[in-house]
PDB file of all heavy atoms in Angstrom:
ATOM      1  N   ILE A   1      -4.419  -6.886  -1.705  1.00  0.00           N
ATOM      2  CA  ILE A   1      -4.651  -5.522  -1.209  1.00  0.00           C
ATOM      3  C   ILE A   1      -4.366  -5.457   0.283  1.00  0.00           C
ATOM      4  O   ILE A   1      -3.743  -4.510   0.771  1.00  0.00           O
ATOM      5  CB  ILE A   1      -6.089  -5.067  -1.520  1.00  0.00           C
ATOM      6  CG1 ILE A   1      -6.281  -4.886  -3.029  1.00  0.00           C
ATOM      7  CG2 ILE A   1      -6.408  -3.760  -0.799  1.00  0.00           C
ATOM      8  CD1 ILE A   1      -7.727  -4.644  -3.445  1.00  0.00           C
ATOM      9  N   GLU A   2      -4.816  -6.476   1.028  1.00  0.00           N
ATOM     10  CA  GLU A   2      -4.576  -6.498   2.474  1.00  0.00           C
ATOM     11  C   GLU A   2      -3.087  -6.596   2.783  1.00  0.00           C
ATOM     12  O   GLU A   2      -2.586  -5.914   3.673  1.00  0.00           O
ATOM     13  CB  GLU A   2      -5.336  -7.650   3.117  1.00  0.00           C
ATOM     14  CG  GLU A   2      -6.834  -7.433   3.161  1.00  0.00           C
ATOM     15  CD  GLU A   2      -7.623  -8.645   3.619  1.00  0.00           C
ATOM     16  OE1 GLU A   2      -7.073  -9.777   3.576  1.00  0.00           O
ATOM     17  OE2 GLU A   2      -8.781  -8.463   4.021  1.00  0.00           O
ATOM     18  N   LYS A   3      -2.353  -7.442   2.050  1.00  0.00           N
ATOM     19  CA  LYS A   3      -0.911  -7.566   2.267  1.00  0.00           C
ATOM     20  C   LYS A   3      -0.199  -6.257   1.956  1.00  0.00           C
ATOM     21  O   LYS A   3       0.696  -5.842   2.690  1.00  0.00           O
ATOM     22  CB  LYS A   3      -0.331  -8.683   1.398  1.00  0.00           C
ATOM     23  CG  LYS A   3      -0.632 -10.059   1.893  1.00  0.00           C
ATOM     24  CD  LYS A   3      -0.031 -11.113   0.987  1.00  0.00           C
ATOM     25  CE  LYS A   3      -0.425 -12.503   1.418  1.00  0.00           C
ATOM     26  NZ  LYS A   3       0.091 -13.531   0.509  1.00  0.00           N
ATOM     27  N   GLN A   4      -0.594  -5.621   0.861  1.00  0.00           N
ATOM     28  CA  GLN A   4       0.023  -4.357   0.476  1.00  0.00           C
ATOM     29  C   GLN A   4      -0.237  -3.285   1.536  1.00  0.00           C
ATOM     30  O   GLN A   4       0.654  -2.526   1.895  1.00  0.00           O
ATOM     31  CB  GLN A   4      -0.521  -3.897  -0.871  1.00  0.00           C
ATOM     32  CG  GLN A   4       0.097  -2.619  -1.375  1.00  0.00           C
ATOM     33  CD  GLN A   4      -0.509  -2.172  -2.691  1.00  0.00           C
ATOM     34  OE1 GLN A   4      -1.611  -2.569  -3.052  1.00  0.00           O
ATOM     35  NE2 GLN A   4       0.213  -1.346  -3.410  1.00  0.00           N
ATOM     36  N   ALA A   5      -1.454  -3.263   2.053  1.00  0.00           N
ATOM     37  CA  ALA A   5      -1.792  -2.282   3.079  1.00  0.00           C
ATOM     38  C   ALA A   5      -1.026  -2.556   4.368  1.00  0.00           C
ATOM     39  O   ALA A   5      -0.564  -1.623   5.028  1.00  0.00           O
ATOM     40  CB  ALA A   5      -3.288  -2.292   3.335  1.00  0.00           C
ATOM     41  N   ASN A   6      -0.902  -3.828   4.727  1.00  0.00           N
ATOM     42  CA  ASN A   6      -0.155  -4.173   5.944  1.00  0.00           C
ATOM     43  C   ASN A   6       1.317  -3.830   5.806  1.00  0.00           C
ATOM     44  O   ASN A   6       1.955  -3.399   6.765  1.00  0.00           O
ATOM     45  CB  ASN A   6      -0.332  -5.650   6.275  1.00  0.00           C
ATOM     46  CG  ASN A   6      -1.717  -5.967   6.793  1.00  0.00           C
ATOM     47  OD1 ASN A   6      -2.404  -5.100   7.322  1.00  0.00           O
ATOM     48  ND2 ASN A   6      -2.138  -7.199   6.625  1.00  0.00           N
ATOM     49  N   ASN A   7       1.868  -4.022   4.622  1.00  0.00           N
ATOM     50  CA  ASN A   7       3.279  -3.685   4.389  1.00  0.00           C
ATOM     51  C   ASN A   7       3.516  -2.183   4.431  1.00  0.00           C
ATOM     52  O   ASN A   7       4.597  -1.740   4.782  1.00  0.00           O
ATOM     53  CB  ASN A   7       3.753  -4.250   3.049  1.00  0.00           C
ATOM     54  CG  ASN A   7       3.895  -5.756   3.085  1.00  0.00           C
ATOM     55  OD1 ASN A   7       3.977  -6.358   4.146  1.00  0.00           O
ATOM     56  ND2 ASN A   7       3.904  -6.362   1.914  1.00  0.00           N
ATOM     57  N   SER A   8       2.490  -1.416   4.076  1.00  0.00           N
ATOM     58  CA  SER A   8       2.650   0.039   4.108  1.00  0.00           C
ATOM     59  C   SER A   8       2.275   0.623   5.463  1.00  0.00           C
ATOM     60  O   SER A   8       2.358   1.827   5.668  1.00  0.00           O
ATOM     61  CB  SER A   8       1.832   0.700   2.997  1.00  0.00           C
ATOM     62  OG  SER A   8       0.455   0.476   3.199  1.00  0.00           O
ATOM     63  N   GLY A   9       1.834  -0.234   6.400  1.00  0.00           N
ATOM     64  CA  GLY A   9       1.580   0.199   7.771  1.00  0.00           C
ATOM     65  C   GLY A   9       0.214   0.793   8.008  1.00  0.00           C
ATOM     66  O   GLY A   9       0.028   1.535   8.966  1.00  0.00           O
ATOM     67  N   LEU A  10      -0.768   0.485   7.177  1.00  0.00           N
ATOM     68  CA  LEU A  10      -2.115   0.998   7.398  1.00  0.00           C
ATOM     69  C   LEU A  10      -2.796   0.213   8.511  1.00  0.00           C
ATOM     70  O   LEU A  10      -2.635  -0.996   8.617  1.00  0.00           O
ATOM     71  CB  LEU A  10      -2.956   0.887   6.124  1.00  0.00           C
ATOM     72  CG  LEU A  10      -2.530   1.743   4.941  1.00  0.00           C
ATOM     73  CD1 LEU A  10      -3.427   1.453   3.743  1.00  0.00           C
ATOM     74  CD2 LEU A  10      -2.592   3.215   5.286  1.00  0.00           C
ATOM     75  N   SER A  11      -3.564   0.909   9.330  1.00  0.00           N
ATOM     76  CA  SER A  11      -4.291   0.230  10.402  1.00  0.00           C
ATOM     77  C   SER A  11      -5.507  -0.487   9.822  1.00  0.00           C
ATOM     78  O   SER A  11      -5.923  -0.234   8.705  1.00  0.00           O
ATOM     79  CB  SER A  11      -4.745   1.239  11.457  1.00  0.00           C
ATOM     80  OG  SER A  11      -5.777   2.056  10.930  1.00  0.00           O
ATOM     81  N   SER A  12      -6.098  -1.390  10.610  1.00  0.00           N
ATOM     82  CA  SER A  12      -7.245  -2.156  10.123  1.00  0.00           C
ATOM     83  C   SER A  12      -8.449  -1.256   9.862  1.00  0.00           C
ATOM     84  O   SER A  12      -9.236  -1.519   8.962  1.00  0.00           O
ATOM     85  CB  SER A  12      -7.615  -3.254  11.109  1.00  0.00           C
ATOM     86  OG  SER A  12      -7.975  -2.695  12.355  1.00  0.00           O
ATOM     87  N   LYS A  13      -8.601  -0.167  10.638  1.00  0.00           N
ATOM     88  CA  LYS A  13      -9.716   0.755  10.404  1.00  0.00           C
ATOM     89  C   LYS A  13      -9.567   1.458   9.065  1.00  0.00           C
ATOM     90  O   LYS A  13     -10.523   1.603   8.316  1.00  0.00           O
ATOM     91  CB  LYS A  13      -9.802   1.789  11.529  1.00  0.00           C
ATOM     92  CG  LYS A  13     -10.302   1.226  12.830  1.00  0.00           C
ATOM     93  CD  LYS A  13     -10.414   2.291  13.878  1.00  0.00           C
ATOM     94  CE  LYS A  13     -10.906   1.702  15.182  1.00  0.00           C
ATOM     95  NZ  LYS A  13     -11.029   2.705  16.235  1.00  0.00           N
ATOM     96  N   VAL A  14      -8.367   1.897   8.764  1.00  0.00           N
ATOM     97  CA  VAL A  14      -8.117   2.554   7.487  1.00  0.00           C
ATOM     98  C   VAL A  14      -8.250   1.550   6.359  1.00  0.00           C
ATOM     99  O   VAL A  14      -8.812   1.849   5.301  1.00  0.00           O
ATOM    100  CB  VAL A  14      -6.715   3.214   7.474  1.00  0.00           C
ATOM    101  CG1 VAL A  14      -6.370   3.743   6.099  1.00  0.00           C
ATOM    102  CG2 VAL A  14      -6.637   4.311   8.510  1.00  0.00           C
ATOM    103  N   LEU A  15      -7.779   0.354   6.588  1.00  0.00           N
ATOM    104  CA  LEU A  15      -7.836  -0.688   5.571  1.00  0.00           C
ATOM    105  C   LEU A  15      -9.277  -1.019   5.201  1.00  0.00           C
ATOM    106  O   LEU A  15      -9.601  -1.190   4.030  1.00  0.00           O
ATOM    107  CB  LEU A  15      -7.127  -1.944   6.070  1.00  0.00           C
ATOM    108  CG  LEU A  15      -7.104  -3.147   5.136  1.00  0.00           C
ATOM    109  CD1 LEU A  15      -6.387  -2.792   3.843  1.00  0.00           C
ATOM    110  CD2 LEU A  15      -6.409  -4.308   5.801  1.00  0.00           C
ATOM    111  N   ASN A  16     -10.174  -1.086   6.171  1.00  0.00           N
ATOM    112  CA  ASN A  16     -11.574  -1.406   5.902  1.00  0.00           C
ATOM    113  C   ASN A  16     -12.269  -0.312   5.104  1.00  0.00           C
ATOM    114  O   ASN A  16     -13.257  -0.566   4.435  1.00  0.00           O
ATOM    115  CB  ASN A  16     -12.333  -1.669   7.204  1.00  0.00           C
ATOM    116  CG  ASN A  16     -11.960  -2.992   7.815  1.00  0.00           C
ATOM    117  OD1 ASN A  16     -11.544  -3.903   7.119  1.00  0.00           O
ATOM    118  ND2 ASN A  16     -12.089  -3.089   9.122  1.00  0.00           N
ATOM    119  N   LYS A  17     -11.758   0.915   5.161  1.00  0.00           N
ATOM    120  CA  LYS A  17     -12.344   2.017   4.405  1.00  0.00           C
ATOM    121  C   LYS A  17     -11.677   2.194   3.048  1.00  0.00           C
ATOM    122  O   LYS A  17     -12.103   3.016   2.263  1.00  0.00           O
ATOM    123  CB  LYS A  17     -12.242   3.316   5.207  1.00  0.00           C
ATOM    124  CG  LYS A  17     -13.118   3.307   6.431  1.00  0.00           C
ATOM    125  CD  LYS A  17     -13.053   4.615   7.163  1.00  0.00           C
ATOM    126  CE  LYS A  17     -13.952   4.586   8.381  1.00  0.00           C
ATOM    127  NZ  LYS A  17     -13.927   5.845   9.104  1.00  0.00           N
ATOM    128  N   HIS A  18     -10.633   1.446   2.780  1.00  0.00           N
ATOM    129  CA  HIS A  18      -9.904   1.532   1.519  1.00  0.00           C
ATOM    130  C   HIS A  18     -10.865   1.233   0.378  1.00  0.00           C
ATOM    131  O   HIS A  18     -11.509   0.193   0.357  1.00  0.00           O
ATOM    132  CB  HIS A  18      -8.735   0.540   1.547  1.00  0.00           C
ATOM    133  CG  HIS A  18      -7.744   0.755   0.471  1.00  0.00           C
ATOM    134  ND1 HIS A  18      -7.861   0.156  -0.750  1.00  0.00           N
ATOM    135  CD2 HIS A  18      -6.618   1.512   0.426  1.00  0.00           C
ATOM    136  CE1 HIS A  18      -6.846   0.523  -1.506  1.00  0.00           C
ATOM    137  NE2 HIS A  18      -6.082   1.346  -0.804  1.00  0.00           N
ATOM    138  N   SER A  19     -10.995   2.131  -0.588  1.00  0.00           N
ATOM    139  CA  SER A  19     -12.023   2.000  -1.619  1.00  0.00           C
ATOM    140  C   SER A  19     -11.838   0.760  -2.497  1.00  0.00           C
ATOM    141  O   SER A  19     -12.820   0.093  -2.835  1.00  0.00           O
ATOM    142  CB  SER A  19     -12.066   3.260  -2.490  1.00  0.00           C
ATOM    143  OG  SER A  19     -10.863   3.391  -3.226  1.00  0.00           O
ATOM    144  N   ASP A  20     -10.598   0.424  -2.867  1.00  0.00           N
ATOM    145  CA  ASP A  20     -10.382  -0.754  -3.703  1.00  0.00           C
ATOM    146  C   ASP A  20     -10.775  -2.025  -2.961  1.00  0.00           C
ATOM    147  O   ASP A  20     -11.389  -2.925  -3.542  1.00  0.00           O
ATOM    148  CB  ASP A  20      -8.922  -0.849  -4.142  1.00  0.00           C
ATOM    149  CG  ASP A  20      -8.521   0.233  -5.115  1.00  0.00           C
ATOM    150  OD1 ASP A  20      -9.422   0.802  -5.777  1.00  0.00           O
ATOM    151  OD2 ASP A  20      -7.315   0.520  -5.221  1.00  0.00           O
ATOM    152  N   LEU A  21     -10.419  -2.092  -1.700  1.00  0.00           N
ATOM    153  CA  LEU A  21     -10.750  -3.271  -0.894  1.00  0.00           C
ATOM    154  C   LEU A  21     -12.256  -3.378  -0.700  1.00  0.00           C
ATOM    155  O   LEU A  21     -12.836  -4.459  -0.849  1.00  0.00           O
ATOM    156  CB  LEU A  21     -10.045  -3.201   0.456  1.00  0.00           C
ATOM    157  CG  LEU A  21     -10.268  -4.378   1.384  1.00  0.00           C
ATOM    158  CD1 LEU A  21      -9.776  -5.669   0.745  1.00  0.00           C
ATOM    159  CD2 LEU A  21      -9.572  -4.145   2.707  1.00  0.00           C
ATOM    160  N   LYS A  22     -12.885  -2.265  -0.420  1.00  0.00           N
ATOM    161  CA  LYS A  22     -14.333  -2.255  -0.226  1.00  0.00           C
ATOM    162  C   LYS A  22     -15.053  -2.669  -1.508  1.00  0.00           C
ATOM    163  O   LYS A  22     -15.987  -3.461  -1.474  1.00  0.00           O
ATOM    164  CB  LYS A  22     -14.765  -0.858   0.208  1.00  0.00           C
ATOM    165  CG  LYS A  22     -16.176  -0.750   0.686  1.00  0.00           C
ATOM    166  CD  LYS A  22     -16.432   0.631   1.234  1.00  0.00           C
ATOM    167  CE  LYS A  22     -17.820   0.741   1.797  1.00  0.00           C
ATOM    168  NZ  LYS A  22     -18.075   2.068   2.350  1.00  0.00           N
ATOM    169  N   GLN A  23     -14.591  -2.168  -2.620  1.00  0.00           N
ATOM    170  CA  GLN A  23     -15.193  -2.504  -3.909  1.00  0.00           C
ATOM    171  C   GLN A  23     -14.997  -3.986  -4.229  1.00  0.00           C
ATOM    172  O   GLN A  23     -15.922  -4.648  -4.702  1.00  0.00           O
ATOM    173  CB  GLN A  23     -14.581  -1.640  -5.006  1.00  0.00           C
ATOM    174  CG  GLN A  23     -15.198  -1.833  -6.357  1.00  0.00           C
ATOM    175  CD  GLN A  23     -14.563  -0.934  -7.400  1.00  0.00           C
ATOM    176  OE1 GLN A  23     -13.507  -0.349  -7.184  1.00  0.00           O
ATOM    177  NE2 GLN A  23     -15.207  -0.825  -8.536  1.00  0.00           N
ATOM    178  N   ALA A  24     -13.827  -4.523  -3.960  1.00  0.00           N
ATOM    179  CA  ALA A  24     -13.554  -5.933  -4.225  1.00  0.00           C
ATOM    180  C   ALA A  24     -14.412  -6.835  -3.346  1.00  0.00           C
ATOM    181  O   ALA A  24     -14.935  -7.851  -3.808  1.00  0.00           O
ATOM    182  CB  ALA A  24     -12.069  -6.238  -4.014  1.00  0.00           C
ATOM    183  N   ARG A  25     -14.577  -6.470  -2.086  1.00  0.00           N
ATOM    184  CA  ARG A  25     -15.407  -7.277  -1.186  1.00  0.00           C
ATOM    185  C   ARG A  25     -16.872  -7.251  -1.616  1.00  0.00           C
ATOM    186  O   ARG A  25     -17.556  -8.276  -1.573  1.00  0.00           O
ATOM    187  CB  ARG A  25     -15.261  -6.785   0.252  1.00  0.00           C
ATOM    188  CG  ARG A  25     -13.955  -7.177   0.875  1.00  0.00           C
ATOM    189  CD  ARG A  25     -13.845  -6.703   2.294  1.00  0.00           C
ATOM    190  NE  ARG A  25     -12.617  -7.187   2.901  1.00  0.00           N
ATOM    191  CZ  ARG A  25     -12.059  -6.640   3.961  1.00  0.00           C
ATOM    192  NH1 ARG A  25     -12.620  -5.596   4.539  1.00  0.00           N
ATOM    193  NH2 ARG A  25     -10.942  -7.133   4.458  1.00  0.00           N
ATOM    194  N   THR A  26     -17.346  -6.083  -2.036  1.00  0.00           N
ATOM    195  CA  THR A  26     -18.723  -5.968  -2.514  1.00  0.00           C
ATOM    196  C   THR A  26     -18.931  -6.818  -3.757  1.00  0.00           C
ATOM    197  O   THR A  26     -19.920  -7.541  -3.881  1.00  0.00           O
ATOM    198  CB  THR A  26     -19.062  -4.494  -2.823  1.00  0.00           C
ATOM    199  OG1 THR A  26     -18.860  -3.719  -1.643  1.00  0.00           O
ATOM    200  CG2 THR A  26     -20.491  -4.351  -3.294  1.00  0.00           C
ATOM    201  N   ARG A  27     -17.979  -6.745  -4.661  1.00  0.00           N
ATOM    202  CA  ARG A  27     -18.071  -7.530  -5.898  1.00  0.00           C
ATOM    203  C   ARG A  27     -18.001  -9.030  -5.594  1.00  0.00           C
ATOM    204  O   ARG A  27     -18.702  -9.825  -6.220  1.00  0.00           O
ATOM    205  CB  ARG A  27     -16.945  -7.120  -6.847  1.00  0.00           C
ATOM    206  CG  ARG A  27     -17.017  -7.773  -8.181  1.00  0.00           C
ATOM    207  CD  ARG A  27     -18.185  -7.262  -8.982  1.00  0.00           C
ATOM    208  NE  ARG A  27     -18.171  -7.924 -10.281  1.00  0.00           N
ATOM    209  CZ  ARG A  27     -19.240  -8.415 -10.862  1.00  0.00           C
ATOM    210  NH1 ARG A  27     -20.420  -8.291 -10.303  1.00  0.00           N
ATOM    211  NH2 ARG A  27     -19.151  -9.002 -12.019  1.00  0.00           N
ATOM    212  N   LEU A  28     -17.185  -9.417  -4.623  1.00  0.00           N
ATOM    213  CA  LEU A  28     -17.070 -10.820  -4.240  1.00  0.00           C
ATOM    214  C   LEU A  28     -18.416 -11.346  -3.739  1.00  0.00           C
ATOM    215  O   LEU A  28     -18.827 -12.453  -4.106  1.00  0.00           O
ATOM    216  CB  LEU A  28     -15.997 -11.015  -3.170  1.00  0.00           C
ATOM    217  CG  LEU A  28     -15.823 -12.424  -2.626  1.00  0.00           C
ATOM    218  CD1 LEU A  28     -15.444 -13.395  -3.737  1.00  0.00           C
ATOM    219  CD2 LEU A  28     -14.796 -12.452  -1.518  1.00  0.00           C
ATOM    220  N   LEU A  29     -19.103 -10.567  -2.924  1.00  0.00           N
ATOM    221  CA  LEU A  29     -20.412 -10.997  -2.435  1.00  0.00           C
ATOM    222  C   LEU A  29     -21.393 -11.209  -3.580  1.00  0.00           C
ATOM    223  O   LEU A  29     -22.128 -12.192  -3.607  1.00  0.00           O
ATOM    224  CB  LEU A  29     -20.974  -9.969  -1.444  1.00  0.00           C
ATOM    225  CG  LEU A  29     -20.265  -9.890  -0.100  1.00  0.00           C
ATOM    226  CD1 LEU A  29     -20.827  -8.736   0.718  1.00  0.00           C
ATOM    227  CD2 LEU A  29     -20.396 -11.190   0.643  1.00  0.00           C
ATOM    228  N   SER A  30     -21.396 -10.310  -4.546  1.00  0.00           N
ATOM    229  CA  SER A  30     -22.319 -10.451  -5.667  1.00  0.00           C
ATOM    230  C   SER A  30     -21.946 -11.645  -6.545  1.00  0.00           C
ATOM    231  O   SER A  30     -22.821 -12.366  -7.019  1.00  0.00           O
ATOM    232  CB  SER A  30     -22.389  -9.148  -6.455  1.00  0.00           C
ATOM    233  OG  SER A  30     -21.729  -9.184  -7.656  1.00  0.00           O
ATOM    234  N   VAL A  31     -20.656 -11.883  -6.750  1.00  0.00           N
ATOM    235  CA  VAL A  31     -20.215 -13.018  -7.563  1.00  0.00           C
ATOM    236  C   VAL A  31     -20.537 -14.331  -6.856  1.00  0.00           C
ATOM    237  O   VAL A  31     -20.957 -15.300  -7.491  1.00  0.00           O
ATOM    238  CB  VAL A  31     -18.705 -12.902  -7.879  1.00  0.00           C
ATOM    239  CG1 VAL A  31     -18.142 -14.187  -8.430  1.00  0.00           C
ATOM    240  CG2 VAL A  31     -18.465 -11.764  -8.863  1.00  0.00           C
ATOM    241  N   GLU A  32     -20.370 -14.365  -5.536  1.00  0.00           N
ATOM    242  CA  GLU A  32     -20.700 -15.587  -4.791  1.00  0.00           C
ATOM    243  C   GLU A  32     -22.198 -15.881  -4.868  1.00  0.00           C
ATOM    244  O   GLU A  32     -22.600 -17.041  -4.979  1.00  0.00           O
ATOM    245  CB  GLU A  32     -20.243 -15.467  -3.344  1.00  0.00           C
ATOM    246  CG  GLU A  32     -18.749 -15.579  -3.182  1.00  0.00           C
ATOM    247  CD  GLU A  32     -18.270 -15.375  -1.767  1.00  0.00           C
ATOM    248  OE1 GLU A  32     -18.957 -14.691  -0.965  1.00  0.00           O
ATOM    249  OE2 GLU A  32     -17.185 -15.895  -1.465  1.00  0.00           O
ATOM    250  N   ASP A  33     -23.026 -14.836  -4.854  1.00  0.00           N
ATOM    251  CA  ASP A  33     -24.465 -15.042  -5.013  1.00  0.00           C
ATOM    252  C   ASP A  33     -24.783 -15.619  -6.390  1.00  0.00           C
ATOM    253  O   ASP A  33     -25.609 -16.513  -6.525  1.00  0.00           O
ATOM    254  CB  ASP A  33     -25.231 -13.728  -4.820  1.00  0.00           C
ATOM    255  CG  ASP A  33     -25.285 -13.294  -3.369  1.00  0.00           C
ATOM    256  OD1 ASP A  33     -25.059 -14.149  -2.484  1.00  0.00           O
ATOM    257  OD2 ASP A  33     -25.557 -12.103  -3.124  1.00  0.00           O
ATOM    258  N   GLU A  34     -24.117 -15.105  -7.408  1.00  0.00           N
ATOM    259  CA  GLU A  34     -24.323 -15.621  -8.759  1.00  0.00           C
ATOM    260  C   GLU A  34     -23.848 -17.069  -8.873  1.00  0.00           C
ATOM    261  O   GLU A  34     -24.468 -17.876  -9.549  1.00  0.00           O
ATOM    262  CB  GLU A  34     -23.597 -14.759  -9.786  1.00  0.00           C
ATOM    263  CG  GLU A  34     -24.222 -13.400 -10.012  1.00  0.00           C
ATOM    264  CD  GLU A  34     -25.586 -13.460 -10.677  1.00  0.00           C
ATOM    265  OE1 GLU A  34     -25.851 -14.420 -11.443  1.00  0.00           O
ATOM    266  OE2 GLU A  34     -26.393 -12.563 -10.422  1.00  0.00           O
ATOM    267  N   ALA A  35     -22.745 -17.387  -8.198  1.00  0.00           N
ATOM    268  CA  ALA A  35     -22.214 -18.759  -8.241  1.00  0.00           C
ATOM    269  C   ALA A  35     -23.201 -19.737  -7.613  1.00  0.00           C
ATOM    270  O   ALA A  35     -23.317 -20.875  -8.064  1.00  0.00           O
ATOM    271  CB  ALA A  35     -20.868 -18.820  -7.534  1.00  0.00           C
ATOM    272  N   LYS A  36     -23.915 -19.305  -6.602  1.00  0.00           N
ATOM    273  CA  LYS A  36     -24.901 -20.168  -5.943  1.00  0.00           C
ATOM    274  C   LYS A  36     -26.061 -20.494  -6.868  1.00  0.00           C
ATOM    275  O   LYS A  36     -26.709 -21.516  -6.713  1.00  0.00           O
ATOM    276  CB  LYS A  36     -25.417 -19.503  -4.665  1.00  0.00           C
ATOM    277  CG  LYS A  36     -24.394 -19.463  -3.556  1.00  0.00           C
ATOM    278  CD  LYS A  36     -24.934 -18.748  -2.347  1.00  0.00           C
ATOM    279  CE  LYS A  36     -23.848 -18.580  -1.305  1.00  0.00           C
ATOM    280  NZ  LYS A  36     -24.316 -17.787  -0.164  1.00  0.00           N
ATOM    281  N   ARG A  37     -26.339 -19.632  -7.819  1.00  0.00           N
ATOM    282  CA  ARG A  37     -27.446 -19.859  -8.755  1.00  0.00           C
ATOM    283  C   ARG A  37     -27.113 -20.945  -9.769  1.00  0.00           C
ATOM    284  O   ARG A  37     -27.977 -21.423 -10.469  1.00  0.00           O
ATOM    285  CB  ARG A  37     -27.788 -18.573  -9.491  1.00  0.00           C
ATOM    286  CG  ARG A  37     -28.375 -17.531  -8.587  1.00  0.00           C
ATOM    287  CD  ARG A  37     -28.765 -16.312  -9.355  1.00  0.00           C
ATOM    288  NE  ARG A  37     -29.149 -15.250  -8.428  1.00  0.00           N
ATOM    289  CZ  ARG A  37     -29.243 -13.993  -8.749  1.00  0.00           C
ATOM    290  NH1 ARG A  37     -28.992 -13.616  -9.989  1.00  0.00           N
ATOM    291  NH2 ARG A  37     -29.582 -13.105  -7.859  1.00  0.00           N
ATOM    292  N   ASP A  38     -25.855 -21.297  -9.864  1.00  0.00           N
ATOM    293  CA  ASP A  38     -25.390 -22.368 -10.753  1.00  0.00           C
ATOM    294  C   ASP A  38     -25.762 -22.108 -12.208  1.00  0.00           C
ATOM    295  O   ASP A  38     -26.302 -22.965 -12.893  1.00  0.00           O
ATOM    296  CB  ASP A  38     -25.911 -23.720 -10.276  1.00  0.00           C
ATOM    297  CG  ASP A  38     -25.097 -24.877 -10.841  1.00  0.00           C
ATOM    298  OD1 ASP A  38     -23.898 -24.670 -11.114  1.00  0.00           O
ATOM    299  OD2 ASP A  38     -25.661 -25.965 -10.994  1.00  0.00           O
ATOM    300  N   THR A  39     -25.459 -20.899 -12.666  1.00  0.00           N
ATOM    301  CA  THR A  39     -25.694 -20.529 -14.056  1.00  0.00           C
ATOM    302  C   THR A  39     -24.628 -21.190 -14.928  1.00  0.00           C
ATOM    303  O   THR A  39     -23.451 -21.118 -14.620  1.00  0.00           O
ATOM    304  CB  THR A  39     -25.607 -18.995 -14.223  1.00  0.00           C
ATOM    305  OG1 THR A  39     -26.476 -18.390 -13.266  1.00  0.00           O
ATOM    306  CG2 THR A  39     -25.987 -18.573 -15.616  1.00  0.00           C
ATOM    307  N   PRO A  40     -25.025 -21.832 -16.019  1.00  0.00           N
ATOM    308  CA  PRO A  40     -24.030 -22.512 -16.860  1.00  0.00           C
ATOM    309  C   PRO A  40     -23.113 -21.515 -17.567  1.00  0.00           C
ATOM    310  O   PRO A  40     -23.478 -20.371 -17.814  1.00  0.00           O
ATOM    311  CB  PRO A  40     -24.885 -23.275 -17.875  1.00  0.00           C
ATOM    312  CG  PRO A  40     -26.192 -22.559 -17.904  1.00  0.00           C
ATOM    313  CD  PRO A  40     -26.380 -21.966 -16.537  1.00  0.00           C
ATOM    314  N   LEU A  41     -21.902 -21.991 -17.869  1.00  0.00           N
ATOM    315  CA  LEU A  41     -20.944 -21.162 -18.596  1.00  0.00           C
ATOM    316  C   LEU A  41     -21.461 -20.890 -20.000  1.00  0.00           C
ATOM    317  O   LEU A  41     -22.111 -21.722 -20.617  1.00  0.00           O
ATOM    318  CB  LEU A  41     -19.597 -21.876 -18.714  1.00  0.00           C
ATOM    319  CG  LEU A  41     -18.804 -22.103 -17.449  1.00  0.00           C
ATOM    320  CD1 LEU A  41     -17.539 -22.889 -17.773  1.00  0.00           C
ATOM    321  CD2 LEU A  41     -18.444 -20.799 -16.801  1.00  0.00           C
ATOM    322  N   ASN A  42     -21.125 -19.709 -20.528  1.00  0.00           N
ATOM    323  CA  ASN A  42     -21.457 -19.385 -21.906  1.00  0.00           C
ATOM    324  C   ASN A  42     -20.273 -19.817 -22.768  1.00  0.00           C
ATOM    325  O   ASN A  42     -19.311 -19.090 -22.942  1.00  0.00           O
ATOM    326  CB  ASN A  42     -21.721 -17.892 -22.044  1.00  0.00           C
ATOM    327  CG  ASN A  42     -22.235 -17.524 -23.423  1.00  0.00           C
ATOM    328  OD1 ASN A  42     -22.029 -18.254 -24.376  1.00  0.00           O
ATOM    329  ND2 ASN A  42     -22.897 -16.388 -23.488  1.00  0.00           N
ATOM    330  N   LEU A  43     -20.356 -21.021 -23.284  1.00  0.00           N
ATOM    331  CA  LEU A  43     -19.240 -21.592 -24.033  1.00  0.00           C
ATOM    332  C   LEU A  43     -18.959 -20.866 -25.343  1.00  0.00           C
ATOM    333  O   LEU A  43     -17.821 -20.844 -25.820  1.00  0.00           O
ATOM    334  CB  LEU A  43     -19.485 -23.079 -24.300  1.00  0.00           C
ATOM    335  CG  LEU A  43     -19.627 -23.926 -23.035  1.00  0.00           C
ATOM    336  CD1 LEU A  43     -19.948 -25.361 -23.382  1.00  0.00           C
ATOM    337  CD2 LEU A  43     -18.379 -23.860 -22.187  1.00  0.00           C
ATOM    338  N   TYR A  44     -19.943 -20.228 -25.922  1.00  0.00           N
ATOM    339  CA  TYR A  44     -19.726 -19.470 -27.150  1.00  0.00           C
ATOM    340  C   TYR A  44     -18.839 -18.269 -26.895  1.00  0.00           C
ATOM    341  O   TYR A  44     -17.981 -17.940 -27.711  1.00  0.00           O
ATOM    342  CB  TYR A  44     -21.059 -19.023 -27.775  1.00  0.00           C
ATOM    343  CG  TYR A  44     -21.833 -20.174 -28.346  1.00  0.00           C
ATOM    344  CD1 TYR A  44     -22.942 -20.668 -27.689  1.00  0.00           C
ATOM    345  CD2 TYR A  44     -21.438 -20.785 -29.528  1.00  0.00           C
ATOM    346  CE1 TYR A  44     -23.653 -21.744 -28.187  1.00  0.00           C
ATOM    347  CE2 TYR A  44     -22.123 -21.858 -30.050  1.00  0.00           C
ATOM    348  CZ  TYR A  44     -23.238 -22.334 -29.387  1.00  0.00           C
ATOM    349  OH  TYR A  44     -23.919 -23.393 -29.894  1.00  0.00           O
TER     350      TYR A  44
END
């Protein structure tokens, strides 16, 4: 998303408000928190 935005000439301020990027960063934080809990994979 960042590369695509840079190629289209968006500034960093606009990029930080980009909804897809913001949503992905928020989801990344939540997934990293879950990864720290070391929950086992559901093999089934």
